[in-house]
Amino acid sequence: MIVSTQSVELVNEFEADDLVIVNRHQGETVFERTSGEKLKSWLEDYPLGEVWKKNLLGGRPSK
């Protein structure tokens, strides 16, 4: 199933390893898998949706 969302609450319902983050790099679309192990220290203190909201996963507009 492919789901596109901006909902922090929906992201909280998944595990980090379930997500594929879509970013734009130099005009190209890039799909990247996240890693629960890579985010382990963040996920001890924050739900996955908050980690995403802090733009630590990508998939959000950059400044």
Protein backbone atom coordinates (compact mmCIF):
# COMPACT_ATOMS: atom_id res chain seq x y z
CA MET A 1 0.00 0.00 0.00
CA ILE A 2 1.26 3.48 -0.81
CA VAL A 3 0.13 6.30 1.44
CA SER A 4 1.15 9.91 1.14
CA THR A 5 0.54 11.99 4.24
CA GLN A 6 1.37 15.08 6.18
CA SER A 7 -0.30 13.66 9.28
CA VAL A 8 1.95 13.25 12.31
CA GLU A 9 -0.71 11.05 13.91
CA LEU A 10 -0.75 8.67 10.93
CA VAL A 11 3.06 8.41 10.87
CA ASN A 12 2.92 7.46 14.57
CA GLU A 13 1.02 4.29 13.58
CA PHE A 14 4.02 2.89 11.69
CA GLU A 15 7.49 1.66 12.52
CA ALA A 16 10.46 3.58 11.12
CA ASP A 17 11.42 0.62 8.92
CA ASP A 18 7.97 0.77 7.26
CA LEU A 19 8.51 4.24 5.83
CA VAL A 20 9.92 5.30 2.48
CA ILE A 21 10.67 9.00 2.46
CA VAL A 22 10.44 10.92 -0.81
CA ASN A 23 12.75 13.90 -1.31
CA ARG A 24 13.81 16.11 -4.20
CA HIS A 25 17.56 16.39 -4.87
CA GLN A 26 18.78 18.54 -7.75
CA GLY A 27 15.43 18.26 -9.53
CA GLU A 28 15.17 14.48 -9.15
CA THR A 29 12.81 12.47 -6.97
CA VAL A 30 14.68 10.24 -4.52
CA PHE A 31 13.09 7.44 -2.47
CA GLU A 32 14.88 6.62 0.79
CA ARG A 33 14.10 4.00 3.42
CA THR A 34 14.36 4.98 7.04
CA SER A 35 16.05 2.88 9.70
CA GLY A 36 14.70 2.27 13.17
CA GLU A 37 18.23 1.42 14.29
CA LYS A 38 19.58 4.73 12.96
CA LEU A 39 16.81 6.61 14.80
CA LYS A 40 16.94 4.53 17.96
CA SER A 41 18.13 7.32 20.28
CA TRP A 42 15.46 9.73 18.94
CA LEU A 43 12.70 7.14 19.18
CA GLU A 44 13.48 6.57 22.87
CA ASP A 45 12.27 10.12 23.58
CA TYR A 46 9.88 10.95 20.73
CA PRO A 47 7.18 9.15 18.73
CA LEU A 48 8.02 8.58 15.07
CA GLY A 49 5.64 11.32 13.92
CA GLU A 50 7.47 13.90 16.03
CA VAL A 51 10.83 12.76 14.65
CA TRP A 52 9.42 13.26 11.16
CA LYS A 53 7.93 16.64 12.13
CA LYS A 54 11.39 17.76 13.31
CA ASN A 55 12.52 16.98 9.72
CA LEU A 56 15.02 14.37 10.86
CA LEU A 57 13.68 11.88 8.30
CA GLY A 58 13.35 14.24 5.35
CA GLY A 59 10.23 14.37 3.23
CA ARG A 60 9.38 17.86 4.43
CA PRO A 61 10.05 21.20 2.77
CA SER A 62 13.53 22.54 3.34
CA LYS A 63 14.25 26.19 3.99
